[in-house]
Amino acid sequence: MSKAKDNKTPQGSTIALNRRARHDYFLEDKFEAGLVLEGWEVKSLRAGKGRVAEAYVLMKDGEAFLLGSHIQPLESASTHVLADATRTRKLLLHDRELASLIGATEQKGYTIVPTAMYWRRGKAKLEIALAKGKAKYDKRQTKKTQDWQRRKAQIMRSDG
């Protein structure tokens, strides 16, 4: 028998990342959501044709929806299916998670942004984060901190 694998996302299972979210927002709580997908979308995601960089999450009638994500249809997709690359997709979350997200987004300045799309046990999952927007000076401060950390690591390597 093999050992049980960690629940961390392996490198090979990542479909799409939203690096811009870390730059534009302070990410606080993270949630894992399932996606309601059509067959052609699953095939496209297996081929790595998904993007979540411009996407955002909208809460409506106690449900969560992913808007603005782009899943490029494959050339070999079925001809009888009308493939809409940017259609609104429903997110699957537990009731307590939905209640937490709805309560937080009603506060001023909070939004929900997708940070990553990946495979988990053969199913496409979306990591979403509760986020608060950064001001321009916050972005500059973050950049300075990252530069200093990088420089400090270089100094430590050169001294050793």
Protein backbone atom coordinates (compact mmCIF):
# COMPACT_ATOMS: atom_id res chain seq x y z
CA MET A 1 0.00 0.00 0.00
CA SER A 2 1.24 3.47 -0.80
CA LYS A 3 1.19 6.33 1.65
CA ALA A 4 -1.65 8.83 1.48
CA LYS A 5 -0.69 11.93 -0.47
CA ASP A 6 -0.70 15.41 1.01
CA ASN A 7 -3.67 17.62 0.21
CA LYS A 8 -1.32 20.28 -1.15
CA THR A 9 -1.61 21.05 -4.83
CA PRO A 10 1.17 19.37 -6.78
CA GLN A 11 3.01 21.47 -9.35
CA GLY A 12 1.78 19.42 -12.30
CA SER A 13 -1.90 19.83 -11.46
CA THR A 14 -2.07 23.61 -11.77
CA ILE A 15 -4.22 24.82 -14.66
CA ALA A 16 -4.03 28.60 -14.22
CA LEU A 17 -2.69 31.12 -11.71
CA ASN A 18 -3.73 34.67 -11.00
CA ARG A 19 -0.44 36.34 -10.04
CA ARG A 20 -1.99 39.77 -10.41
CA ALA A 21 -4.27 39.13 -7.42
CA ARG A 22 -1.29 39.10 -5.02
CA HIS A 23 -0.15 42.42 -6.44
CA ASP A 24 -3.51 44.21 -6.38
CA TYR A 25 -5.05 42.83 -3.17
CA PHE A 26 -4.31 41.86 0.41
CA LEU A 27 -5.42 38.20 0.40
CA GLU A 28 -6.96 37.12 3.69
CA ASP A 29 -9.05 33.92 3.80
CA LYS A 30 -8.75 31.26 1.10
CA PHE A 31 -11.42 28.78 0.06
CA GLU A 32 -11.52 25.85 -2.35
CA ALA A 33 -14.54 25.82 -4.63
CA GLY A 34 -15.74 23.30 -7.17
CA LEU A 35 -16.77 24.43 -10.65
CA VAL A 36 -19.87 23.50 -12.64
CA LEU A 37 -18.41 22.78 -16.07
CA GLU A 38 -19.58 21.39 -19.38
CA GLY A 39 -17.80 18.49 -21.09
CA TRP A 40 -15.90 20.59 -23.63
CA GLU A 41 -14.65 22.84 -20.81
CA VAL A 42 -13.16 19.90 -18.93
CA LYS A 43 -11.36 18.75 -22.08
CA SER A 44 -10.01 22.26 -22.67
CA LEU A 45 -8.81 22.53 -19.07
CA ARG A 46 -7.04 19.17 -19.39
CA ALA A 47 -5.23 20.70 -22.37
CA GLY A 48 -4.29 23.72 -20.21
CA LYS A 49 -6.48 26.24 -22.05
CA GLY A 50 -7.93 28.08 -19.00
CA ARG A 51 -7.28 31.59 -17.65
CA VAL A 52 -8.45 33.27 -14.45
CA ALA A 53 -6.34 36.43 -14.51
CA GLU A 54 -9.20 38.79 -15.40
CA ALA A 55 -11.88 36.84 -13.52
CA TYR A 56 -13.82 37.77 -10.40
CA VAL A 57 -16.44 36.16 -8.18
CA LEU A 58 -19.96 37.54 -7.83
CA MET A 59 -22.36 36.63 -5.01
CA LYS A 60 -26.01 36.54 -6.12
CA ASP A 61 -29.04 35.02 -4.38
CA GLY A 62 -26.87 33.18 -1.86
CA GLU A 63 -24.74 31.55 -4.58
CA ALA A 64 -21.28 32.25 -5.98
CA PHE A 65 -20.55 32.68 -9.69
CA LEU A 66 -17.27 33.01 -11.58
CA LEU A 67 -17.33 35.77 -14.19
CA GLY A 68 -14.68 36.76 -16.69
CA SER A 69 -12.70 33.53 -16.72
CA HIS A 70 -11.74 32.31 -20.15
CA ILE A 71 -11.68 28.66 -21.22
CA GLN A 72 -10.62 28.42 -24.85
CA PRO A 73 -12.60 25.81 -26.79
CA LEU A 74 -10.57 23.10 -28.46
CA GLU A 75 -10.50 22.91 -32.25
CA SER A 76 -11.72 19.33 -32.01
CA ALA A 77 -14.75 20.28 -29.88
CA SER A 78 -18.07 18.88 -30.91
CA THR A 79 -19.88 20.79 -33.65
CA HIS A 80 -23.32 20.51 -32.06
CA VAL A 81 -22.26 22.32 -28.88
CA LEU A 82 -22.15 26.11 -28.83
CA ALA A 83 -18.95 26.85 -26.90
CA ASP A 84 -19.05 30.14 -24.98
CA ALA A 85 -15.50 30.74 -23.72
CA THR A 86 -16.43 33.40 -21.13
CA ARG A 87 -19.73 32.10 -19.83
CA THR A 88 -20.69 32.55 -16.17
CA ARG A 89 -19.84 29.43 -14.17
CA LYS A 90 -21.39 28.47 -10.85
CA LEU A 91 -19.07 27.76 -7.92
CA LEU A 92 -19.77 24.95 -5.49
CA LEU A 93 -19.19 25.88 -1.84
CA HIS A 94 -20.53 24.71 1.51
CA ASP A 95 -23.30 26.77 3.11
CA ARG A 96 -21.07 27.99 5.95
CA GLU A 97 -18.42 29.12 3.45
CA LEU A 98 -21.04 30.95 1.40
CA ALA A 99 -22.38 32.64 4.54
CA SER A 100 -18.87 33.70 5.52
CA LEU A 101 -18.15 35.12 2.05
CA ILE A 102 -21.48 36.95 1.82
CA GLY A 103 -20.97 38.49 5.26
CA ALA A 104 -17.46 39.63 4.40
CA THR A 105 -18.29 41.07 0.96
CA GLU A 106 -21.03 43.21 2.45
CA GLN A 107 -18.30 45.00 4.41
CA LYS A 108 -16.72 47.93 2.63
CA GLY A 109 -13.65 47.17 0.55
CA TYR A 110 -13.83 43.37 0.47
CA THR A 111 -14.10 41.37 -2.72
CA ILE A 112 -13.59 37.76 -3.80
CA VAL A 113 -10.88 37.01 -6.34
CA PRO A 114 -9.83 33.70 -7.88
CA THR A 115 -6.16 32.96 -7.23
CA ALA A 116 -5.63 29.54 -8.85
CA MET A 117 -7.35 26.82 -10.83
CA TYR A 118 -6.08 23.26 -10.41
CA TRP A 119 -6.98 19.57 -10.46
CA ARG A 120 -7.80 17.73 -7.25
CA ARG A 121 -8.71 14.03 -7.49
CA GLY A 122 -9.71 14.41 -11.12
CA LYS A 123 -11.99 17.41 -10.54
CA ALA A 124 -11.31 21.03 -11.45
CA LYS A 125 -11.10 23.23 -8.37
CA LEU A 126 -10.81 26.98 -7.98
CA GLU A 127 -8.98 28.61 -5.10
CA ILE A 128 -10.72 31.85 -4.20
CA ALA A 129 -9.59 34.40 -1.66
CA LEU A 130 -11.32 37.08 0.34
CA ALA A 131 -9.38 40.19 -0.58
CA LYS A 132 -9.11 43.85 0.28
CA GLY A 133 -7.82 46.22 -2.40
CA LYS A 134 -4.37 47.75 -2.08
CA ALA A 135 -3.73 51.44 -2.53
CA LYS A 136 -0.86 52.55 -4.76
CA TYR A 137 1.44 53.23 -1.80
CA ASP A 138 0.70 49.73 -0.42
CA LYS A 139 1.80 48.22 -3.73
CA ARG A 140 5.03 50.25 -3.59
CA GLN A 141 5.68 49.14 -0.01
CA THR A 142 5.13 45.49 -0.94
CA LYS A 143 7.58 45.86 -3.83
CA LYS A 144 10.19 47.41 -1.52
CA THR A 145 9.78 44.59 0.99
CA GLN A 146 10.14 41.95 -1.73
CA ASP A 147 13.25 43.65 -3.12
CA TRP A 148 14.80 43.83 0.34
CA GLN A 149 14.06 40.13 1.00
CA ARG A 150 15.64 39.21 -2.34
CA ARG A 151 18.70 41.37 -1.62
CA LYS A 152 19.04 39.95 1.89
CA ALA A 153 18.98 36.39 0.50
CA GLN A 154 21.72 37.33 -2.01
CA ILE A 155 23.88 38.77 0.77
CA MET A 156 23.42 35.66 2.92
CA ARG A 157 24.38 33.39 -0.01
CA SER A 158 27.49 35.41 -0.87
CA ASP A 159 28.71 35.46 2.76
CA GLY A 160 28.37 31.69 3.18
